[in-house]
Amino acid sequence: VGALKAVNRIRSFAYLAAKGLNPPY
């Protein structure tokens, strides 16, 4: 679960570079 949380955090911040996609939480 700790690894899931870490990759999800990195993944969520990557949305800041993606145009046209609704951001996650």
PDB file of all heavy atoms in Angstrom:
ATOM      1  N   VAL A   1       0.831  -1.206   0.000  1.00  0.00           N
ATOM      2  CA  VAL A   1       0.000   0.000   0.000  1.00  0.00           C
ATOM      3  C   VAL A   1       0.870   1.263   0.000  1.00  0.00           C
ATOM      4  O   VAL A   1       0.547   2.251  -0.660  1.00  0.00           O
ATOM      5  CB  VAL A   1      -0.962  -0.001   1.204  1.00  0.00           C
ATOM      6  CG1 VAL A   1      -1.709   1.335   1.307  1.00  0.00           C
ATOM      7  CG2 VAL A   1      -1.968  -1.141   1.080  1.00  0.00           C
ATOM      8  N   GLY A   2       1.988   1.227   0.713  1.00  0.00           N
ATOM      9  CA  GLY A   2       2.889   2.374   0.717  1.00  0.00           C
ATOM     10  C   GLY A   2       3.427   2.684  -0.669  1.00  0.00           C
ATOM     11  O   GLY A   2       3.535   3.851  -1.063  1.00  0.00           O
ATOM     12  N   ALA A   3       3.747   1.638  -1.428  1.00  0.00           N
ATOM     13  CA  ALA A   3       4.221   1.841  -2.803  1.00  0.00           C
ATOM     14  C   ALA A   3       3.102   2.383  -3.687  1.00  0.00           C
ATOM     15  O   ALA A   3       3.334   3.243  -4.542  1.00  0.00           O
ATOM     16  CB  ALA A   3       4.749   0.529  -3.365  1.00  0.00           C
ATOM     17  N   LEU A   4       1.880   1.898  -3.490  1.00  0.00           N
ATOM     18  CA  LEU A   4       0.740   2.418  -4.241  1.00  0.00           C
ATOM     19  C   LEU A   4       0.544   3.902  -3.978  1.00  0.00           C
ATOM     20  O   LEU A   4       0.318   4.694  -4.899  1.00  0.00           O
ATOM     21  CB  LEU A   4      -0.534   1.667  -3.859  1.00  0.00           C
ATOM     22  CG  LEU A   4      -0.844   0.361  -4.576  1.00  0.00           C
ATOM     23  CD1 LEU A   4      -2.127  -0.237  -4.011  1.00  0.00           C
ATOM     24  CD2 LEU A   4      -0.972   0.563  -6.078  1.00  0.00           C
ATOM     25  N   LYS A   5       0.627   4.293  -2.715  1.00  0.00           N
ATOM     26  CA  LYS A   5       0.456   5.699  -2.364  1.00  0.00           C
ATOM     27  C   LYS A   5       1.542   6.558  -3.006  1.00  0.00           C
ATOM     28  O   LYS A   5       1.276   7.659  -3.488  1.00  0.00           O
ATOM     29  CB  LYS A   5       0.472   5.868  -0.841  1.00  0.00           C
ATOM     30  CG  LYS A   5      -0.758   5.300  -0.155  1.00  0.00           C
ATOM     31  CD  LYS A   5      -0.589   5.250   1.351  1.00  0.00           C
ATOM     32  CE  LYS A   5      -0.422   6.613   1.957  1.00  0.00           C
ATOM     33  NZ  LYS A   5      -0.318   6.554   3.432  1.00  0.00           N
ATOM     34  N   ALA A   6       2.763   6.043  -3.035  1.00  0.00           N
ATOM     35  CA  ALA A   6       3.873   6.811  -3.610  1.00  0.00           C
ATOM     36  C   ALA A   6       3.698   7.002  -5.107  1.00  0.00           C
ATOM     37  O   ALA A   6       3.835   8.117  -5.626  1.00  0.00           O
ATOM     38  CB  ALA A   6       5.202   6.113  -3.315  1.00  0.00           C
ATOM     39  N   VAL A   7       3.392   5.927  -5.823  1.00  0.00           N
ATOM     40  CA  VAL A   7       3.243   6.058  -7.277  1.00  0.00           C
ATOM     41  C   VAL A   7       1.990   6.876  -7.616  1.00  0.00           C
ATOM     42  O   VAL A   7       1.983   7.652  -8.581  1.00  0.00           O
ATOM     43  CB  VAL A   7       3.222   4.682  -7.970  1.00  0.00           C
ATOM     44  CG1 VAL A   7       1.944   3.913  -7.671  1.00  0.00           C
ATOM     45  CG2 VAL A   7       3.395   4.848  -9.480  1.00  0.00           C
ATOM     46  N   ASN A   8       0.938   6.745  -6.816  1.00  0.00           N
ATOM     47  CA  ASN A   8      -0.259   7.542  -7.051  1.00  0.00           C
ATOM     48  C   ASN A   8       0.017   9.026  -6.850  1.00  0.00           C
ATOM     49  O   ASN A   8      -0.545   9.874  -7.557  1.00  0.00           O
ATOM     50  CB  ASN A   8      -1.386   7.099  -6.118  1.00  0.00           C
ATOM     51  CG  ASN A   8      -2.049   5.809  -6.572  1.00  0.00           C
ATOM     52  OD1 ASN A   8      -1.883   5.391  -7.715  1.00  0.00           O
ATOM     53  ND2 ASN A   8      -2.796   5.190  -5.679  1.00  0.00           N
ATOM     54  N   ARG A   9       0.871   9.341  -5.896  1.00  0.00           N
ATOM     55  CA  ARG A   9       1.215  10.743  -5.669  1.00  0.00           C
ATOM     56  C   ARG A   9       1.989  11.306  -6.871  1.00  0.00           C
ATOM     57  O   ARG A   9       1.677  12.385  -7.369  1.00  0.00           O
ATOM     58  CB  ARG A   9       2.045  10.883  -4.394  1.00  0.00           C
ATOM     59  CG  ARG A   9       2.417  12.336  -4.075  1.00  0.00           C
ATOM     60  CD  ARG A   9       3.087  12.464  -2.719  1.00  0.00           C
ATOM     61  NE  ARG A   9       3.459  13.842  -2.449  1.00  0.00           N
ATOM     62  CZ  ARG A   9       2.648  14.777  -1.967  1.00  0.00           C
ATOM     63  NH1 ARG A   9       1.386  14.469  -1.710  1.00  0.00           N
ATOM     64  NH2 ARG A   9       3.064  16.004  -1.755  1.00  0.00           N
ATOM     65  N   ILE A  10       2.982  10.566  -7.329  1.00  0.00           N
ATOM     66  CA  ILE A  10       3.749  11.008  -8.495  1.00  0.00           C
ATOM     67  C   ILE A  10       2.832  11.119  -9.711  1.00  0.00           C
ATOM     68  O   ILE A  10       2.900  12.081 -10.484  1.00  0.00           O
ATOM     69  CB  ILE A  10       4.908  10.028  -8.769  1.00  0.00           C
ATOM     70  CG1 ILE A  10       5.886  10.037  -7.589  1.00  0.00           C
ATOM     71  CG2 ILE A  10       5.631  10.392 -10.063  1.00  0.00           C
ATOM     72  CD1 ILE A  10       6.934   8.929  -7.642  1.00  0.00           C
ATOM     73  N   ARG A  11       1.952  10.149  -9.860  1.00  0.00           N
ATOM     74  CA  ARG A  11       1.009  10.146 -10.984  1.00  0.00           C
ATOM     75  C   ARG A  11       0.062  11.343 -10.934  1.00  0.00           C
ATOM     76  O   ARG A  11      -0.203  11.983 -11.957  1.00  0.00           O
ATOM     77  CB  ARG A  11       0.212   8.838 -10.946  1.00  0.00           C
ATOM     78  CG  ARG A  11      -0.805   8.660 -12.050  1.00  0.00           C
ATOM     79  CD  ARG A  11      -1.594   7.381 -11.793  1.00  0.00           C
ATOM     80  NE  ARG A  11      -2.642   7.169 -12.784  1.00  0.00           N
ATOM     81  CZ  ARG A  11      -3.608   6.272 -12.647  1.00  0.00           C
ATOM     82  NH1 ARG A  11      -3.641   5.495 -11.566  1.00  0.00           N
ATOM     83  NH2 ARG A  11      -4.534   6.137 -13.577  1.00  0.00           N
ATOM     84  N   SER A  12      -0.452  11.661  -9.751  1.00  0.00           N
ATOM     85  CA  SER A  12      -1.377  12.791  -9.645  1.00  0.00           C
ATOM     86  C   SER A  12      -0.698  14.096 -10.027  1.00  0.00           C
ATOM     87  O   SER A  12      -1.278  14.918 -10.761  1.00  0.00           O
ATOM     88  CB  SER A  12      -1.959  12.877  -8.226  1.00  0.00           C
ATOM     89  OG  SER A  12      -0.965  13.180  -7.265  1.00  0.00           O
ATOM     90  N   PHE A  13       0.530  14.296  -9.584  1.00  0.00           N
ATOM     91  CA  PHE A  13       1.239  15.528  -9.926  1.00  0.00           C
ATOM     92  C   PHE A  13       1.533  15.608 -11.426  1.00  0.00           C
ATOM     93  O   PHE A  13       1.601  16.707 -11.984  1.00  0.00           O
ATOM     94  CB  PHE A  13       2.532  15.633  -9.111  1.00  0.00           C
ATOM     95  CG  PHE A  13       2.330  16.238  -7.753  1.00  0.00           C
ATOM     96  CD1 PHE A  13       1.754  15.503  -6.725  1.00  0.00           C
ATOM     97  CD2 PHE A  13       2.697  17.544  -7.483  1.00  0.00           C
ATOM     98  CE1 PHE A  13       1.551  16.053  -5.473  1.00  0.00           C
ATOM     99  CE2 PHE A  13       2.513  18.117  -6.236  1.00  0.00           C
ATOM    100  CZ  PHE A  13       1.928  17.362  -5.222  1.00  0.00           C
ATOM    101  N   ALA A  14       1.692  14.452 -12.081  1.00  0.00           N
ATOM    102  CA  ALA A  14       1.938  14.456 -13.531  1.00  0.00           C
ATOM    103  C   ALA A  14       0.756  15.043 -14.293  1.00  0.00           C
ATOM    104  O   ALA A  14       0.929  15.569 -15.401  1.00  0.00           O
ATOM    105  CB  ALA A  14       2.233  13.036 -14.018  1.00  0.00           C
ATOM    106  N   TYR A  15      -0.438  14.978 -13.702  1.00  0.00           N
ATOM    107  CA  TYR A  15      -1.611  15.559 -14.354  1.00  0.00           C
ATOM    108  C   TYR A  15      -1.464  17.060 -14.554  1.00  0.00           C
ATOM    109  O   TYR A  15      -2.142  17.644 -15.410  1.00  0.00           O
ATOM    110  CB  TYR A  15      -2.870  15.267 -13.536  1.00  0.00           C
ATOM    111  CG  TYR A  15      -3.556  13.973 -13.895  1.00  0.00           C
ATOM    112  CD1 TYR A  15      -3.003  12.746 -13.515  1.00  0.00           C
ATOM    113  CD2 TYR A  15      -4.749  13.963 -14.606  1.00  0.00           C
ATOM    114  CE1 TYR A  15      -3.624  11.547 -13.828  1.00  0.00           C
ATOM    115  CE2 TYR A  15      -5.377  12.764 -14.939  1.00  0.00           C
ATOM    116  CZ  TYR A  15      -4.814  11.569 -14.540  1.00  0.00           C
ATOM    117  OH  TYR A  15      -5.427  10.384 -14.879  1.00  0.00           O
ATOM    118  N   LEU A  16      -0.595  17.690 -13.779  1.00  0.00           N
ATOM    119  CA  LEU A  16      -0.376  19.127 -13.926  1.00  0.00           C
ATOM    120  C   LEU A  16       0.306  19.452 -15.256  1.00  0.00           C
ATOM    121  O   LEU A  16       0.320  20.612 -15.676  1.00  0.00           O
ATOM    122  CB  LEU A  16       0.459  19.651 -12.761  1.00  0.00           C
ATOM    123  CG  LEU A  16      -0.229  19.579 -11.390  1.00  0.00           C
ATOM    124  CD1 LEU A  16       0.769  19.869 -10.282  1.00  0.00           C
ATOM    125  CD2 LEU A  16      -1.405  20.542 -11.324  1.00  0.00           C
ATOM    126  N   ALA A  17       0.871  18.432 -15.898  1.00  0.00           N
ATOM    127  CA  ALA A  17       1.518  18.634 -17.201  1.00  0.00           C
ATOM    128  C   ALA A  17       0.639  18.165 -18.354  1.00  0.00           C
ATOM    129  O   ALA A  17       1.028  18.291 -19.512  1.00  0.00           O
ATOM    130  CB  ALA A  17       2.853  17.879 -17.244  1.00  0.00           C
ATOM    131  N   ALA A  18      -0.530  17.610 -18.029  1.00  0.00           N
ATOM    132  CA  ALA A  18      -1.416  17.065 -19.060  1.00  0.00           C
ATOM    133  C   ALA A  18      -2.567  18.031 -19.319  1.00  0.00           C
ATOM    134  O   ALA A  18      -3.291  18.403 -18.393  1.00  0.00           O
ATOM    135  CB  ALA A  18      -1.956  15.711 -18.620  1.00  0.00           C
ATOM    136  N   LYS A  19      -2.734  18.438 -20.548  1.00  0.00           N
ATOM    137  CA  LYS A  19      -3.797  19.364 -20.898  1.00  0.00           C
ATOM    138  C   LYS A  19      -5.061  18.592 -21.303  1.00  0.00           C
ATOM    139  O   LYS A  19      -4.999  17.556 -21.935  1.00  0.00           O
ATOM    140  CB  LYS A  19      -3.357  20.261 -22.058  1.00  0.00           C
ATOM    141  CG  LYS A  19      -2.180  21.170 -21.710  1.00  0.00           C
ATOM    142  CD  LYS A  19      -1.788  22.044 -22.896  1.00  0.00           C
ATOM    143  CE  LYS A  19      -0.634  22.965 -22.539  1.00  0.00           C
ATOM    144  NZ  LYS A  19      -0.213  23.832 -23.675  1.00  0.00           N
ATOM    145  N   GLY A  20      -6.189  19.123 -20.870  1.00  0.00           N
ATOM    146  CA  GLY A  20      -7.461  18.540 -21.283  1.00  0.00           C
ATOM    147  C   GLY A  20      -7.941  17.377 -20.451  1.00  0.00           C
ATOM    148  O   GLY A  20      -8.955  16.764 -20.778  1.00  0.00           O
ATOM    149  N   LEU A  21      -7.236  17.038 -19.371  1.00  0.00           N
ATOM    150  CA  LEU A  21      -7.643  15.933 -18.508  1.00  0.00           C
ATOM    151  C   LEU A  21      -8.120  16.478 -17.170  1.00  0.00           C
ATOM    152  O   LEU A  21      -7.510  17.381 -16.600  1.00  0.00           O
ATOM    153  CB  LEU A  21      -6.481  14.970 -18.273  1.00  0.00           C
ATOM    154  CG  LEU A  21      -5.952  14.209 -19.481  1.00  0.00           C
ATOM    155  CD1 LEU A  21      -4.784  13.319 -19.069  1.00  0.00           C
ATOM    156  CD2 LEU A  21      -7.051  13.366 -20.125  1.00  0.00           C
ATOM    157  N   ASN A  22      -9.232  15.933 -16.678  1.00  0.00           N
ATOM    158  CA  ASN A  22      -9.695  16.339 -15.361  1.00  0.00           C
ATOM    159  C   ASN A  22      -8.703  15.867 -14.302  1.00  0.00           C
ATOM    160  O   ASN A  22      -8.287  14.705 -14.321  1.00  0.00           O
ATOM    161  CB  ASN A  22     -11.075  15.745 -15.072  1.00  0.00           C
ATOM    162  CG  ASN A  22     -12.155  16.380 -15.909  1.00  0.00           C
ATOM    163  OD1 ASN A  22     -12.038  17.532 -16.322  1.00  0.00           O
ATOM    164  ND2 ASN A  22     -13.216  15.634 -16.168  1.00  0.00           N
ATOM    165  N   PRO A  23      -8.313  16.732 -13.388  1.00  0.00           N
ATOM    166  CA  PRO A  23      -7.312  16.336 -12.395  1.00  0.00           C
ATOM    167  C   PRO A  23      -7.871  15.374 -11.368  1.00  0.00           C
ATOM    168  O   PRO A  23      -9.078  15.393 -11.081  1.00  0.00           O
ATOM    169  CB  PRO A  23      -6.941  17.673 -11.737  1.00  0.00           C
ATOM    170  CG  PRO A  23      -8.172  18.507 -11.883  1.00  0.00           C
ATOM    171  CD  PRO A  23      -8.758  18.123 -13.218  1.00  0.00           C
ATOM    172  N   PRO A  24      -7.036  14.516 -10.824  1.00  0.00           N
ATOM    173  CA  PRO A  24      -7.441  13.654  -9.716  1.00  0.00           C
ATOM    174  C   PRO A  24      -7.414  14.464  -8.420  1.00  0.00           C
ATOM    175  O   PRO A  24      -7.202  15.684  -8.432  1.00  0.00           O
ATOM    176  CB  PRO A  24      -6.358  12.578  -9.722  1.00  0.00           C
ATOM    177  CG  PRO A  24      -5.133  13.323 -10.170  1.00  0.00           C
ATOM    178  CD  PRO A  24      -5.627  14.331 -11.184  1.00  0.00           C
ATOM    179  N   TYR A  25      -7.585  13.774  -7.310  1.00  0.00           N
ATOM    180  CA  TYR A  25      -7.453  14.444  -6.015  1.00  0.00           C
ATOM    181  C   TYR A  25      -5.996  14.430  -5.569  1.00  0.00           C
ATOM    182  O   TYR A  25      -5.311  13.414  -5.671  1.00  0.00           O
ATOM    183  CB  TYR A  25      -8.356  13.790  -4.968  1.00  0.00           C
ATOM    184  CG  TYR A  25      -9.783  14.270  -5.083  1.00  0.00           C
ATOM    185  CD1 TYR A  25     -10.686  13.619  -5.912  1.00  0.00           C
ATOM    186  CD2 TYR A  25     -10.198  15.411  -4.408  1.00  0.00           C
ATOM    187  CE1 TYR A  25     -11.991  14.075  -6.055  1.00  0.00           C
ATOM    188  CE2 TYR A  25     -11.499  15.879  -4.541  1.00  0.00           C
ATOM    189  CZ  TYR A  25     -12.378  15.211  -5.362  1.00  0.00           C
ATOM    190  OH  TYR A  25     -13.667  15.681  -5.504  1.00  0.00           O
TER     191      TYR A  25
END
